[in-house]
Protein backbone atom coordinates (compact mmCIF):
# COMPACT_ATOMS: atom_id res chain seq x y z
CA MET A 1 8.95 68.59 40.81
CA SER A 2 7.74 71.04 43.44
CA GLU A 3 5.27 69.06 45.56
CA HIS A 4 6.92 67.20 48.40
CA LEU A 5 4.59 64.18 48.07
CA THR A 6 3.01 62.79 44.89
CA VAL A 7 0.62 59.82 45.20
CA VAL A 8 0.23 58.06 41.85
CA THR A 9 -3.47 57.19 41.57
CA HIS A 10 -3.32 55.63 38.10
CA PRO A 11 -5.77 52.67 37.94
CA LEU A 12 -3.08 50.17 36.89
CA VAL A 13 -0.86 51.21 39.81
CA GLN A 14 -3.70 50.87 42.30
CA HIS A 15 -4.87 47.52 40.89
CA LYS A 16 -1.39 45.99 41.02
CA LEU A 17 -0.81 47.36 44.51
CA THR A 18 -4.00 45.71 45.78
CA ILE A 19 -2.80 42.31 44.53
CA MET A 20 0.58 42.90 46.19
CA ARG A 21 -1.07 43.72 49.51
CA ASP A 22 -2.97 40.40 49.53
CA LYS A 23 -1.18 38.00 51.89
CA ASP A 24 -1.98 35.07 49.60
CA THR A 25 -0.09 36.54 46.62
CA SER A 26 2.90 34.30 45.84
CA THR A 27 6.54 35.39 45.99
CA ALA A 28 6.87 35.06 42.21
CA SER A 29 3.76 37.15 41.58
CA PHE A 30 4.82 39.76 44.14
CA ARG A 31 8.22 40.13 42.48
CA GLN A 32 6.70 40.44 38.99
CA LEU A 33 4.12 42.98 40.14
CA LEU A 34 6.81 45.04 41.86
CA ARG A 35 8.77 45.13 38.61
CA GLU A 36 5.67 46.24 36.68
CA ILE A 37 4.55 48.86 39.19
CA SER A 38 8.06 50.29 39.43
CA GLN A 39 7.94 51.18 35.74
CA LEU A 40 4.63 52.98 36.17
CA LEU A 41 5.97 54.91 39.18
CA ALA A 42 9.19 55.69 37.29
CA TYR A 43 7.08 57.32 34.57
CA GLU A 44 5.91 59.83 37.19
CA VAL A 45 9.21 60.39 39.01
CA THR A 46 11.03 61.17 35.72
CA ARG A 47 8.26 63.42 34.38
CA GLU A 48 10.25 66.67 34.62
CA MET A 49 13.68 65.52 33.42
CA ALA A 50 15.65 68.15 31.50
CA MET A 51 15.35 68.02 27.71
CA THR A 52 17.30 69.43 24.78
CA MET A 53 16.98 69.28 20.99
CA LYS A 54 18.95 67.18 18.53
CA GLN A 55 18.87 67.19 14.75
CA ILE A 56 17.99 63.82 13.23
CA GLU A 57 16.96 62.44 9.84
CA THR A 58 13.61 60.67 9.69
CA PRO A 59 12.81 58.62 6.55
CA MET A 60 11.01 61.76 5.34
CA CYS A 61 13.18 64.74 6.28
CA ALA A 62 15.52 66.38 8.78
CA MET A 63 14.03 67.63 12.04
CA ASP A 64 14.93 68.94 15.46
CA ALA A 65 13.72 66.34 17.99
CA PRO A 66 13.70 66.26 21.80
CA VAL A 67 16.18 64.11 23.74
CA LEU A 68 17.19 63.90 27.39
CA ALA A 69 19.77 66.49 28.41
CA GLY A 70 22.80 66.24 30.67
CA ARG A 71 24.59 63.35 32.35
CA LYS A 72 23.04 59.89 32.72
CA MET A 73 20.67 59.66 35.67
CA VAL A 74 21.55 57.62 38.74
CA LEU A 75 19.34 55.07 40.47
CA VAL A 76 20.26 54.30 44.07
CA SER A 77 18.82 51.14 45.60
CA ILE A 78 18.41 51.16 49.37
CA LEU A 79 19.24 47.52 50.08
CA ARG A 80 17.87 45.00 50.04
CA ALA A 81 14.27 45.66 49.11
CA GLY A 82 15.15 48.58 46.82
CA ASN A 83 16.46 46.09 44.27
CA GLY A 84 12.88 45.07 43.50
CA LEU A 85 12.12 48.56 42.22
CA LEU A 86 15.52 48.90 40.56
CA ASP A 87 15.01 46.10 38.02
CA GLY A 88 11.85 47.55 36.53
CA ILE A 89 13.19 51.10 36.27
CA LEU A 90 16.37 49.87 34.56
CA GLU A 91 14.24 48.29 31.85
CA LEU A 92 12.76 51.75 31.27
CA VAL A 93 16.08 53.64 31.57
CA PRO A 94 18.78 51.07 30.71
CA SER A 95 21.52 53.73 30.45
CA ALA A 96 21.11 54.80 34.09
CA ARG A 97 24.05 54.47 36.47
CA VAL A 98 23.35 52.47 39.63
CA GLY A 99 24.41 52.91 43.24
CA PHE A 100 23.67 50.96 46.41
CA VAL A 101 23.21 52.01 50.01
CA GLY A 102 23.02 49.25 52.61
CA LEU A 103 21.05 50.10 55.74
CA TYR A 104 19.27 47.89 58.23
CA ARG A 105 16.91 48.94 60.97
CA ASP A 106 17.89 48.20 64.55
CA GLU A 107 14.81 46.38 65.88
CA GLU A 108 15.19 47.94 69.32
CA THR A 109 15.77 51.59 68.44
CA LEU A 110 14.26 51.58 64.90
CA GLN A 111 17.32 53.61 63.88
CA PRO A 112 19.27 52.87 60.67
CA VAL A 113 22.68 51.21 60.72
CA GLN A 114 24.84 51.57 57.59
CA TYR A 115 26.79 48.56 56.31
CA TYR A 116 27.44 49.38 52.63
CA CYS A 117 27.65 52.38 50.29
CA LYS A 118 28.80 52.31 46.65
CA LEU A 119 27.86 55.25 44.41
CA PRO A 120 28.65 56.38 40.84
CA PRO A 121 30.87 59.47 40.35
CA ASP A 122 29.75 63.03 39.63
CA LEU A 123 26.44 62.84 41.51
CA GLY A 124 26.25 66.64 41.55
CA ASP A 125 25.76 66.68 37.77
CA ARG A 126 23.06 64.00 37.67
CA LEU A 127 19.44 63.41 38.58
CA VAL A 128 19.54 60.90 41.46
CA ILE A 129 16.52 58.73 42.25
CA ALA A 130 16.66 56.76 45.50
CA VAL A 131 14.36 53.73 45.58
CA ASP A 132 12.97 51.73 48.51
CA PRO A 133 9.54 50.05 48.54
CA MET A 134 8.61 51.21 52.05
CA LEU A 135 8.81 54.67 53.61
CA ALA A 136 7.93 53.69 57.20
CA THR A 137 9.61 55.62 60.04
CA GLY A 138 11.64 57.52 57.44
CA ASN A 139 14.83 57.10 59.46
CA SER A 140 16.58 54.82 56.96
CA SER A 141 15.42 56.88 53.99
CA ALA A 142 16.60 60.13 55.57
CA ALA A 143 19.96 58.52 56.41
CA ALA A 144 20.33 57.29 52.82
CA ILE A 145 19.61 60.78 51.47
CA ASP A 146 22.21 62.16 53.92
CA LEU A 147 24.79 59.85 52.33
CA LEU A 148 23.80 60.93 48.81
CA LYS A 149 24.12 64.61 49.71
CA GLN A 150 27.50 63.98 51.36
CA ALA A 151 28.58 62.40 48.06
CA GLY A 152 27.60 65.58 46.21
CA ALA A 153 24.07 64.87 44.96
CA ARG A 154 21.93 67.99 44.61
CA ASN A 155 18.95 66.90 42.47
CA ILE A 156 17.42 63.98 44.39
CA ARG A 157 14.02 62.29 44.23
CA PHE A 158 12.69 59.45 46.36
CA LEU A 159 10.54 56.66 44.93
CA CYS A 160 8.65 54.20 47.12
CA LEU A 161 5.72 51.82 46.84
CA LEU A 162 4.07 52.66 50.18
CA ALA A 163 4.48 55.55 52.59
CA ALA A 164 3.32 56.14 56.17
CA PRO A 165 2.45 59.67 57.35
CA GLU A 166 5.24 59.42 59.94
CA GLY A 167 7.82 58.66 57.25
CA VAL A 168 6.65 61.46 54.99
CA ALA A 169 6.85 63.92 57.91
CA ARG A 170 10.35 62.70 58.85
CA MET A 171 11.59 63.09 55.27
CA LYS A 172 10.02 66.53 54.92
CA GLU A 173 11.74 67.62 58.13
CA ALA A 174 15.14 66.19 57.17
CA HIS A 175 15.06 66.77 53.39
CA PRO A 176 12.34 69.22 52.32
CA ASP A 177 14.09 69.58 48.94
CA VAL A 178 13.59 65.89 48.03
CA PRO A 179 10.22 65.12 46.37
CA ILE A 180 8.59 61.77 47.18
CA VAL A 181 6.63 59.70 44.66
CA THR A 182 4.58 56.78 45.99
CA ALA A 183 1.64 54.53 45.07
CA ALA A 184 -0.16 55.00 48.40
CA LEU A 185 -0.08 56.98 51.62
CA ASP A 186 -1.24 54.45 54.23
CA GLU A 187 -2.84 55.06 57.63
CA ARG A 188 -0.06 54.74 60.19
CA LEU A 189 2.80 52.73 61.67
CA ASN A 190 2.22 49.99 64.23
CA GLU A 191 4.24 49.62 67.44
CA LYS A 192 6.96 47.69 65.55
CA GLY A 193 7.36 50.40 62.93
CA TYR A 194 5.55 48.53 60.15
CA ILE A 195 3.15 50.30 57.77
CA VAL A 196 -0.58 49.59 58.33
CA PRO A 197 -2.48 48.31 56.37
CA GLY A 198 0.72 47.93 54.34
CA LEU A 199 1.80 44.66 52.77
CA GLY A 200 4.17 43.21 55.37
CA ASP A 201 7.93 43.22 54.90
CA ALA A 202 8.60 43.96 51.22
CA GLY A 203 12.01 42.26 51.25
CA ASP A 204 10.63 39.07 52.80
CA ARG A 205 7.75 38.95 50.36
CA MET A 206 10.03 39.60 47.41
CA PHE A 207 12.69 37.05 48.30
CA GLY A 208 10.62 34.46 50.19
CA THR A 209 12.44 34.99 53.48
CA ARG A 210 11.12 35.57 57.00
């Protein structure tokens, strides 16, 4: 993937996102829609995975058929909201290895604070997809990618549901080699660092917390 930002404009993605944005959408519906939309976004973020050929026997004859090449891919959930995207992608790629990076945003400084990091081995040999529904200031996302690179990851992609221009710019500055796939590039951030028009706090809406 060469473009730094890919906005997935598929009609099903956009329709589901509109329902998720609606403040009257229930927690259960929001969670289900996030699972569904994550699979559609995963289709795009995995589009250029490496392939190789394998000989198989169909009921009719032998043939050389395409299969995924290399080590199993790694999905890294940026906690806690990243888990909502993780579930859907794992249904699509059940063999993927999974890592977790725990970051929270200091409400005063808007800077990320790390509290957890657990990653699979051999990241340098694997495609690594970091997932977080919201790319807002970009500070937490950039910090998470820092951790992945420190652990040896070289082929990294970032998957999010919504992005703000400020977050995209921050990621491009910090990690120009990491392509971003999202369902929408929204207008801006508000004074509290939330995406506008956005959909509120993805974690709260997913888990029914405030």
